[in-house]
N, C-alpha and C. Protein backbone atom coordinates (compact mmCIF):
# COMPACT_ATOMS: atom_id res chain seq x y z
N MET A 1 -244.63 160.26 21.40
CA MET A 1 -243.58 159.06 21.52
C MET A 1 -243.54 157.94 20.90
N THR A 2 -242.29 157.94 20.41
CA THR A 2 -242.57 156.44 19.60
C THR A 2 -241.21 155.72 20.17
N SER A 3 -241.27 154.59 19.70
CA SER A 3 -240.03 153.62 20.31
C SER A 3 -238.73 154.10 18.96
N GLU A 4 -238.55 154.68 18.25
CA GLU A 4 -237.34 155.20 17.69
C GLU A 4 -236.96 156.66 18.16
N THR A 5 -238.01 157.25 18.67
CA THR A 5 -237.31 158.60 19.10
C THR A 5 -236.75 158.44 20.73
N THR A 6 -237.81 157.10 21.29
CA THR A 6 -237.92 157.10 22.61
C THR A 6 -236.07 156.60 23.16
N SER A 7 -235.14 157.43 23.68
CA SER A 7 -233.85 157.28 23.85
C SER A 7 -233.91 155.81 25.29
N VAL A 8 -232.47 155.19 24.91
CA VAL A 8 -232.34 154.03 25.65
C VAL A 8 -232.11 154.74 27.74
N SER A 9 -231.40 155.86 27.25
CA SER A 9 -230.84 156.70 28.64
C SER A 9 -232.03 156.82 29.44
N SER A 10 -233.29 157.66 28.55
CA SER A 10 -234.94 157.39 29.19
C SER A 10 -235.71 156.52 29.82
N LEU A 11 -235.10 155.52 30.07
CA LEU A 11 -235.36 154.16 30.28
C LEU A 11 -234.74 153.31 31.32
N MET A 12 -233.67 153.40 31.00
CA MET A 12 -232.44 152.53 31.78
C MET A 12 -232.49 152.91 33.36
N LYS A 13 -232.08 152.40 33.95
CA LYS A 13 -231.79 151.93 35.43
C LYS A 13 -230.42 152.42 35.57
N ARG A 14 -230.35 153.69 36.37
CA ARG A 14 -228.43 153.78 36.46
C ARG A 14 -227.84 153.61 37.80
N ASN A 15 -228.70 152.81 38.80
CA ASN A 15 -227.95 152.29 39.92
C ASN A 15 -227.52 150.63 39.56
N VAL A 16 -226.79 150.57 39.09
CA VAL A 16 -226.36 149.09 38.63
C VAL A 16 -225.63 148.39 39.56
N GLN A 17 -226.15 147.30 39.72
CA GLN A 17 -225.35 146.95 40.95
C GLN A 17 -224.42 145.34 40.29
N THR A 18 -223.10 145.48 41.08
CA THR A 18 -222.05 144.92 40.17
C THR A 18 -221.19 144.19 41.70
N ASP A 19 -220.66 143.08 40.87
CA ASP A 19 -220.08 142.58 41.81
C ASP A 19 -217.94 142.40 40.95
N PHE A 20 -217.00 141.86 41.94
CA PHE A 20 -215.78 141.63 41.08
C PHE A 20 -215.86 140.78 40.63
N GLU A 21 -214.85 140.28 39.63
CA GLU A 21 -214.67 138.74 39.04
C GLU A 21 -214.05 137.97 39.91
N ASP A 22 -213.70 138.60 40.96
CA ASP A 22 -212.70 137.63 41.99
C ASP A 22 -213.93 137.15 43.04
N GLN A 23 -215.38 137.57 43.24
CA GLN A 23 -216.31 136.86 44.27
C GLN A 23 -216.28 136.03 44.03
N ASN A 24 -217.30 134.97 44.41
CA ASN A 24 -217.99 133.63 44.30
C ASN A 24 -219.44 134.05 43.93
N ILE A 25 -219.86 132.50 43.70
CA ILE A 25 -221.75 133.14 43.15
C ILE A 25 -222.64 133.35 44.62
N MET A 26 -221.80 133.19 45.57
CA MET A 26 -223.01 133.57 46.98
C MET A 26 -223.26 135.07 47.03
N SER A 27 -221.42 135.71 46.40
CA SER A 27 -221.32 137.12 46.99
C SER A 27 -222.47 137.63 45.30
N ALA A 28 -222.91 137.08 44.47
CA ALA A 28 -223.38 137.75 43.43
C ALA A 28 -225.00 137.70 43.95
N CYS A 29 -225.51 136.27 44.84
CA CYS A 29 -226.51 135.96 45.12
C CYS A 29 -226.82 136.79 46.31
N ASN A 30 -225.93 137.26 47.23
CA ASN A 30 -226.55 138.00 48.29
C ASN A 30 -226.64 139.35 47.63
N ILE A 31 -225.76 139.48 46.54
CA ILE A 31 -226.31 141.34 46.01
C ILE A 31 -227.91 141.56 45.24
N MET A 32 -228.35 140.09 44.37
CA MET A 32 -229.43 139.86 43.99
C MET A 32 -230.58 139.85 44.80
N TYR A 33 -230.41 138.82 46.15
CA TYR A 33 -230.99 138.63 47.13
C TYR A 33 -231.37 140.42 47.59
N ALA A 34 -230.34 141.29 48.06
CA ALA A 34 -230.71 142.18 48.95
C ALA A 34 -231.39 143.44 48.01
N ASN A 35 -231.18 143.60 46.69
CA ASN A 35 -231.62 144.64 45.86
C ASN A 35 -233.09 143.97 44.70
N ASP A 36 -233.25 142.53 45.10
CA ASP A 36 -234.63 142.10 44.36
C ASP A 36 -234.03 142.22 42.68
N ILE A 37 -233.21 141.57 42.50
CA ILE A 37 -232.92 142.16 41.22
C ILE A 37 -232.43 140.57 40.29
N GLY A 38 -232.61 140.26 39.34
CA GLY A 38 -232.57 139.05 38.40
C GLY A 38 -231.05 138.58 37.74
N SER A 39 -230.09 139.81 38.27
CA SER A 39 -228.64 139.82 37.52
C SER A 39 -227.75 141.02 38.45
N VAL A 40 -226.66 140.76 37.70
CA VAL A 40 -225.46 141.43 38.55
C VAL A 40 -224.00 141.49 37.23
N ILE A 41 -223.96 142.70 36.87
CA ILE A 41 -222.72 142.84 36.04
C ILE A 41 -221.63 142.74 37.17
N ILE A 42 -220.64 142.02 36.49
CA ILE A 42 -219.82 141.46 37.05
C ILE A 42 -218.54 142.05 36.46
N VAL A 43 -217.51 143.49 36.97
CA VAL A 43 -216.27 144.29 36.67
C VAL A 43 -214.97 143.75 37.10
N THR A 44 -214.50 144.31 36.50
CA THR A 44 -213.03 144.09 36.94
C THR A 44 -212.73 144.86 38.42
N ARG A 45 -211.73 144.21 39.26
CA ARG A 45 -210.93 144.58 40.08
C ARG A 45 -210.02 146.07 39.98
N ASN A 46 -210.61 147.05 39.11
CA ASN A 46 -209.32 147.97 38.71
C ASN A 46 -210.17 149.37 39.25
N ALA A 47 -209.44 150.86 38.62
CA ALA A 47 -210.03 152.08 38.87
C ALA A 47 -211.35 152.00 38.20
N SER A 48 -211.33 151.80 36.91
CA SER A 48 -212.67 151.82 36.12
C SER A 48 -213.14 150.89 35.89
N GLN A 49 -212.72 149.73 36.92
CA GLN A 49 -214.51 148.81 36.98
C GLN A 49 -215.49 148.51 35.69
N THR A 50 -214.22 148.03 34.63
CA THR A 50 -214.56 147.64 33.59
C THR A 50 -215.98 146.72 33.37
N PRO A 51 -216.74 146.22 32.88
CA PRO A 51 -217.91 145.62 32.65
C PRO A 51 -217.09 144.07 32.51
N ALA A 52 -217.45 143.03 32.69
CA ALA A 52 -216.38 142.02 32.10
C ALA A 52 -217.36 140.78 31.65
N GLY A 53 -218.35 140.95 32.39
CA GLY A 53 -219.47 139.70 32.33
C GLY A 53 -221.20 140.37 33.11
N ILE A 54 -221.59 139.21 33.25
CA ILE A 54 -222.84 139.17 33.93
C ILE A 54 -223.16 138.04 34.34
N ILE A 55 -223.85 137.90 35.79
CA ILE A 55 -224.68 136.56 36.36
C ILE A 55 -225.90 136.81 36.42
N THR A 56 -227.03 136.39 35.81
CA THR A 56 -228.15 136.13 36.16
C THR A 56 -228.51 134.91 36.85
N GLU A 57 -229.97 134.95 37.07
CA GLU A 57 -230.64 134.05 37.85
C GLU A 57 -230.71 132.76 37.31
N ARG A 58 -230.83 132.79 36.15
CA ARG A 58 -230.69 131.85 35.08
C ARG A 58 -229.49 130.91 35.20
N ASP A 59 -228.25 131.69 35.19
CA ASP A 59 -226.99 131.21 35.34
C ASP A 59 -226.66 130.40 36.62
N ILE A 60 -227.28 130.84 37.65
CA ILE A 60 -227.07 130.28 38.84
C ILE A 60 -227.93 128.91 38.70
N VAL A 61 -229.17 129.07 38.55
CA VAL A 61 -229.66 127.91 38.83
C VAL A 61 -229.06 127.04 37.71
N GLY A 62 -228.36 127.14 36.44
CA GLY A 62 -227.52 125.92 36.49
C GLY A 62 -226.71 125.93 36.72
N ILE A 63 -225.54 126.45 37.51
CA ILE A 63 -224.30 126.20 38.28
C ILE A 63 -224.84 125.18 39.26
N LEU A 64 -225.95 125.71 40.08
CA LEU A 64 -225.96 124.84 41.11
C LEU A 64 -226.75 123.91 40.69
N GLY A 65 -227.41 123.59 39.51
CA GLY A 65 -228.13 122.41 38.96
C GLY A 65 -226.78 121.43 38.25
N LYS A 66 -225.71 121.67 38.50
CA LYS A 66 -224.50 120.80 38.17
C LYS A 66 -223.90 119.94 39.51
N LEU A 67 -224.48 120.25 40.88
CA LEU A 67 -224.75 119.53 42.02
C LEU A 67 -223.21 119.30 42.50
N ASN A 68 -222.19 120.22 42.03
CA ASN A 68 -220.65 120.41 42.27
C ASN A 68 -220.36 121.74 43.14
N PRO A 69 -220.13 120.98 44.44
CA PRO A 69 -219.78 121.91 45.65
C PRO A 69 -218.58 122.99 45.20
N ASP A 70 -217.65 122.65 44.26
CA ASP A 70 -216.69 122.98 44.14
C ASP A 70 -217.10 124.96 43.46
N LEU A 71 -217.89 124.43 42.84
CA LEU A 71 -218.59 125.91 42.22
C LEU A 71 -218.72 126.63 43.42
N LEU A 72 -219.09 126.58 44.12
CA LEU A 72 -219.51 127.73 45.09
C LEU A 72 -218.36 128.49 45.33
N GLN A 73 -217.28 128.15 45.39
CA GLN A 73 -215.95 128.85 45.54
C GLN A 73 -215.27 129.08 44.22
N THR A 74 -216.08 129.11 43.23
CA THR A 74 -215.41 129.34 42.04
C THR A 74 -215.43 130.51 41.70
N PRO A 75 -214.16 131.24 41.26
CA PRO A 75 -214.60 132.92 40.77
C PRO A 75 -215.44 133.13 39.97
N LEU A 76 -216.32 134.27 40.07
CA LEU A 76 -216.98 134.90 38.72
C LEU A 76 -216.57 135.03 37.58
N LYS A 77 -215.44 135.38 37.58
CA LYS A 77 -215.05 135.14 36.03
C LYS A 77 -215.06 133.72 35.51
N MET A 78 -215.15 133.01 36.48
CA MET A 78 -215.21 131.58 35.38
C MET A 78 -216.40 131.14 35.18
N LEU A 79 -217.56 131.68 35.39
CA LEU A 79 -218.54 131.59 35.74
C LEU A 79 -219.51 132.24 34.76
N MET A 80 -219.61 133.71 34.99
CA MET A 80 -220.01 134.45 34.31
C MET A 80 -220.41 134.26 32.80
N SER A 81 -221.39 134.86 32.00
CA SER A 81 -221.67 135.24 30.78
C SER A 81 -220.63 136.33 30.02
N LYS A 82 -219.81 136.17 29.18
CA LYS A 82 -219.60 136.96 28.70
C LYS A 82 -219.38 136.96 27.24
N PRO A 83 -219.09 137.75 26.13
CA PRO A 83 -218.30 139.06 26.65
C PRO A 83 -220.33 139.93 27.34
N VAL A 84 -219.84 140.92 27.55
CA VAL A 84 -221.22 141.70 28.01
C VAL A 84 -221.57 142.84 26.61
N ILE A 85 -223.14 142.37 26.52
CA ILE A 85 -223.43 143.19 25.18
C ILE A 85 -224.20 144.61 25.84
N THR A 86 -223.68 145.67 24.82
CA THR A 86 -224.20 146.70 24.96
C THR A 86 -225.09 147.41 24.08
N VAL A 87 -225.37 148.60 24.56
CA VAL A 87 -226.31 149.44 24.01
C VAL A 87 -225.73 150.67 24.33
N GLU A 88 -225.73 151.86 23.56
CA GLU A 88 -225.32 153.02 23.69
C GLU A 88 -226.44 153.99 23.68
N GLU A 89 -226.53 154.97 25.20
CA GLU A 89 -227.45 155.68 25.97
C GLU A 89 -228.21 156.14 25.18
N SER A 90 -227.83 156.79 23.34
CA SER A 90 -228.21 157.22 22.93
C SER A 90 -229.33 156.61 21.84
N ALA A 91 -229.13 155.31 21.86
CA ALA A 91 -229.65 154.48 20.76
C ALA A 91 -231.26 154.31 20.95
N SER A 92 -232.26 154.05 20.70
CA SER A 92 -233.37 154.41 20.79
C SER A 92 -233.97 152.73 21.27
N ILE A 93 -235.58 153.14 22.04
CA ILE A 93 -235.68 151.39 22.60
C ILE A 93 -236.18 150.62 21.25
N ASN A 94 -235.97 150.54 20.09
CA ASN A 94 -236.17 150.05 18.67
C ASN A 94 -234.57 149.20 18.89
N ASP A 95 -233.97 150.13 19.02
CA ASP A 95 -232.43 149.63 18.65
C ASP A 95 -232.06 148.52 19.60
N ALA A 96 -232.31 148.91 20.98
CA ALA A 96 -232.18 147.85 22.35
C ALA A 96 -233.35 146.67 22.08
N ILE A 97 -234.26 146.69 21.43
CA ILE A 97 -235.10 145.59 21.36
C ILE A 97 -234.26 144.88 20.15
N GLU A 98 -233.94 145.39 18.66
CA GLU A 98 -233.74 144.65 18.18
C GLU A 98 -232.42 143.76 18.48
N ILE A 99 -231.26 144.67 19.21
CA ILE A 99 -230.28 143.74 19.80
C ILE A 99 -230.51 142.13 20.67
N MET A 100 -231.65 142.93 21.60
CA MET A 100 -232.15 141.76 22.44
C MET A 100 -232.64 140.59 21.85
N THR A 101 -233.45 140.96 20.93
CA THR A 101 -233.73 139.67 19.82
C THR A 101 -232.88 138.98 19.25
N ASN A 102 -232.30 139.66 18.58
CA ASN A 102 -231.13 139.15 17.74
C ASN A 102 -229.69 138.04 18.69
N LYS A 103 -229.69 138.45 19.69
CA LYS A 103 -228.79 138.37 20.61
C LYS A 103 -229.39 137.12 21.70
N LYS A 104 -230.48 136.92 21.59
CA LYS A 104 -231.75 136.37 22.32
C LYS A 104 -230.94 136.50 24.23
N ILE A 105 -231.00 137.60 24.29
CA ILE A 105 -230.91 138.25 25.70
C ILE A 105 -231.72 138.92 26.38
N ARG A 106 -231.82 139.21 27.88
CA ARG A 106 -233.21 140.17 28.44
C ARG A 106 -232.35 141.50 28.75
N ARG A 107 -230.98 141.23 29.22
CA ARG A 107 -230.35 142.94 29.54
C ARG A 107 -229.31 143.49 28.71
N LEU A 108 -229.50 144.37 28.78
CA LEU A 108 -228.11 144.99 28.09
C LEU A 108 -227.33 146.69 29.13
N VAL A 109 -226.31 146.00 29.26
CA VAL A 109 -225.20 147.30 29.89
C VAL A 109 -225.55 148.25 28.82
N VAL A 110 -225.77 149.87 29.59
CA VAL A 110 -225.73 150.70 29.01
C VAL A 110 -224.64 151.63 29.03
N VAL A 111 -223.93 152.08 27.83
CA VAL A 111 -222.49 152.62 27.86
C VAL A 111 -222.55 154.32 27.17
N ASP A 112 -221.84 155.11 27.62
CA ASP A 112 -221.53 156.45 26.94
C ASP A 112 -220.68 156.31 25.98
N ARG A 113 -220.82 157.12 25.16
CA ARG A 113 -219.63 157.23 23.85
C ARG A 113 -218.31 157.13 24.27
N LYS A 114 -217.96 157.01 25.53
CA LYS A 114 -216.68 156.39 25.52
C LYS A 114 -216.46 154.96 26.23
N ASN A 115 -217.71 154.25 26.18
CA ASN A 115 -217.46 153.01 26.52
C ASN A 115 -218.03 152.65 28.43
N LYS A 116 -217.62 153.60 28.61
CA LYS A 116 -218.29 153.69 30.43
C LYS A 116 -219.66 153.15 31.02
N MET A 117 -219.71 152.40 31.59
CA MET A 117 -221.19 151.92 31.82
C MET A 117 -221.84 153.27 32.82
N THR A 118 -223.49 153.22 32.29
CA THR A 118 -224.01 154.41 32.91
C THR A 118 -225.68 153.84 33.56
N GLY A 119 -225.58 152.80 33.03
CA GLY A 119 -226.56 152.18 33.10
C GLY A 119 -227.35 150.52 32.47
N ILE A 120 -228.43 150.14 33.12
CA ILE A 120 -228.70 148.80 32.54
C ILE A 120 -230.17 149.34 32.26
N LEU A 121 -230.90 148.24 31.12
CA LEU A 121 -231.97 148.23 30.53
C LEU A 121 -232.06 146.93 30.22
N THR A 122 -233.40 146.56 31.14
CA THR A 122 -234.29 145.23 30.74
C THR A 122 -235.28 144.87 30.04
N GLN A 123 -235.60 143.93 29.90
CA GLN A 123 -236.97 143.76 29.12
C GLN A 123 -238.23 143.89 29.94
N LYS A 124 -238.03 144.20 31.34
CA LYS A 124 -239.14 144.43 32.25
C LYS A 124 -239.22 145.81 32.24
N ASP A 125 -238.10 146.30 31.78
CA ASP A 125 -238.23 148.13 31.76
C ASP A 125 -238.77 148.12 30.39
N ILE A 126 -238.73 147.88 29.69
CA ILE A 126 -239.14 148.13 27.92
C ILE A 126 -240.76 147.55 28.15
N PHE A 127 -241.48 146.06 29.08
CA PHE A 127 -242.41 146.19 29.21
C PHE A 127 -243.56 147.60 29.97
N LYS A 128 -242.59 147.63 31.29
CA LYS A 128 -243.21 148.70 32.15
C LYS A 128 -243.68 149.85 30.89
N LEU A 129 -242.93 150.18 29.86
CA LEU A 129 -242.98 151.55 29.31
C LEU A 129 -244.06 151.25 28.30
N ILE A 130 -244.12 149.96 27.39
CA ILE A 130 -245.47 149.43 26.95
C ILE A 130 -246.33 149.60 27.57
N GLU A 131 -246.39 148.77 28.61
CA GLU A 131 -247.69 148.80 29.63
C GLU A 131 -248.48 150.42 30.07
N LYS A 132 -247.49 151.22 29.91
CA LYS A 132 -248.14 152.37 30.32
C LYS A 132 -248.19 153.75 28.74
N ASN A 133 -247.47 152.82 27.92
CA ASN A 133 -247.94 153.29 26.79
C ASN A 133 -248.21 152.12 25.12
N PRO A 134 -249.36 151.63 25.25
CA PRO A 134 -249.90 150.87 24.50
C PRO A 134 -249.83 150.41 23.45
N SER A 135 -249.79 152.00 22.72
CA SER A 135 -249.70 152.09 21.16
C SER A 135 -248.26 151.99 20.84
N LEU A 136 -247.80 151.86 21.99
CA LEU A 136 -245.90 151.51 21.03
C LEU A 136 -245.86 149.92 21.08
N LEU A 137 -246.63 149.06 21.49
CA LEU A 137 -246.53 147.63 20.93
C LEU A 137 -246.97 147.44 19.26
N ALA A 138 -247.74 148.57 19.03
CA ALA A 138 -248.34 148.19 17.47
C ALA A 138 -247.22 149.31 16.79
N GLN A 139 -246.64 149.91 17.38
CA GLN A 139 -245.18 150.55 16.47
C GLN A 139 -244.41 149.23 16.06
N PHE A 140 -243.66 148.68 17.61
CA PHE A 140 -243.02 147.60 17.38
C PHE A 140 -243.35 146.79 16.13
N TYR A 141 -244.77 146.04 16.28
CA TYR A 141 -245.19 145.08 15.16
C TYR A 141 -245.77 145.18 14.07
N GLY A 142 -246.78 146.46 14.05
CA GLY A 142 -247.13 146.97 12.79
C GLY A 142 -248.49 146.18 12.65
N ASN A 143 -249.11 146.73 11.19
CA ASN A 143 -250.06 145.80 11.25
C ASN A 143 -250.06 143.97 10.54
N ASN A 144 -248.70 143.63 10.64
CA ASN A 144 -248.42 142.16 10.45
C ASN A 144 -247.57 141.92 11.75
N PHE A 145 -247.53 140.85 12.55
CA PHE A 145 -246.79 140.25 13.44
C PHE A 145 -245.72 139.84 12.76
N SER A 146 -244.58 140.32 12.70
CA SER A 146 -243.41 140.27 12.65
C SER A 146 -242.62 138.21 13.36
N PRO A 147 -242.31 137.69 13.14
CA PRO A 147 -241.41 136.69 13.45
C PRO A 147 -240.81 136.90 14.84
N ARG A 148 -239.87 137.95 14.30
CA ARG A 148 -239.03 138.36 15.03
C ARG A 148 -239.26 138.71 16.14
N PHE A 149 -240.18 139.04 16.30
CA PHE A 149 -240.85 139.90 17.80
C PHE A 149 -241.68 138.77 18.62
N LYS A 150 -241.92 137.59 17.84
CA LYS A 150 -242.72 136.71 18.93
C LYS A 150 -242.45 136.51 20.02
N GLU A 151 -240.68 135.93 20.32
CA GLU A 151 -240.38 136.07 21.91
C GLU A 151 -240.65 137.25 22.81
N ILE A 152 -240.53 138.36 22.12
CA ILE A 152 -240.50 139.65 23.13
C ILE A 152 -242.00 139.44 23.26
N TYR A 153 -243.05 139.47 22.58
CA TYR A 153 -244.57 139.85 22.62
C TYR A 153 -244.66 138.61 23.78
N ASP A 154 -244.67 137.57 23.28
CA ASP A 154 -244.47 136.38 24.20
C ASP A 154 -244.30 136.86 25.95
N THR A 155 -243.30 137.26 25.79
CA THR A 155 -242.69 137.17 27.32
C THR A 155 -243.40 138.52 27.79
N PHE A 156 -243.67 139.44 27.27
CA PHE A 156 -244.13 140.73 27.61
C PHE A 156 -246.11 139.81 28.26
N SER A 157 -246.45 139.23 27.49
CA SER A 157 -247.94 138.52 27.64
C SER A 157 -247.70 137.96 29.25
N GLN A 158 -246.50 137.33 28.90
CA GLN A 158 -246.20 136.38 30.69
C GLN A 158 -246.49 137.47 31.42
N TYR A 159 -245.30 138.55 31.04
CA TYR A 159 -244.76 139.29 32.80
C TYR A 159 -246.56 140.05 32.44
N ARG A 160 -247.27 140.52 31.77
CA ARG A 160 -248.98 141.29 32.01
C ARG A 160 -249.73 140.39 32.71
N PHE A 161 -249.39 139.34 32.69
CA PHE A 161 -250.18 137.83 33.37
C PHE A 161 -249.59 138.05 34.57
N GLU A 162 -248.42 137.85 35.00
CA GLU A 162 -247.91 137.75 35.90
C GLU A 162 -247.95 138.75 37.02
N ASN A 163 -247.62 139.93 36.85
CA ASN A 163 -247.22 141.16 37.46
C ASN A 163 -248.63 142.02 37.25
N LEU A 164 -248.94 142.19 36.38
CA LEU A 164 -250.31 143.52 36.11
C LEU A 164 -251.71 142.79 36.55
N ARG A 165 -252.10 141.74 36.47
CA ARG A 165 -253.29 140.97 37.10
C ARG A 165 -253.12 139.99 37.79
N PRO A 166 -252.52 140.36 39.15
CA PRO A 166 -252.51 138.98 40.00
C PRO A 166 -253.33 138.32 40.34
N ASP A 167 -254.16 139.11 40.55
CA ASP A 167 -255.98 138.50 40.77
C ASP A 167 -256.30 137.16 40.24
N LEU A 168 -255.86 137.12 39.27
CA LEU A 168 -256.29 136.21 37.72
C LEU A 168 -255.93 134.52 38.40
């Protein structure tokens, strides 16, 4: 198994939690809480339910930090991060990491060849794969530590510390 031959579709989560763009922040928070997740994909209210944006825990903290009660009733389409950054399900994990690094994001909406949403891939999913296959880390970094992967490595180290060694 290599990061260049492992496809995004083999790692993504297919059960994507969504909310409609005319809902409010409390609706998105309820979905995140009920599903123990850190983001919700915001979709249009039509038959195709096209991904229009994303709301993350970080977005919510920023919104609540403004201490503006009106924002609690503001439609998600006014608050969401957009555009949605996507990756094709046939892309490699290397491709996904490259997009995440370049765009400075932690989540990618996975789409098929017709641009229909089929899943979501997060940094956490990639970290779990690396934990199962530590040799993948060497594939990402090689013998020399590339500065472009430093942020991902730092995040992975934090993830390992918090989730894999809770006894420390």
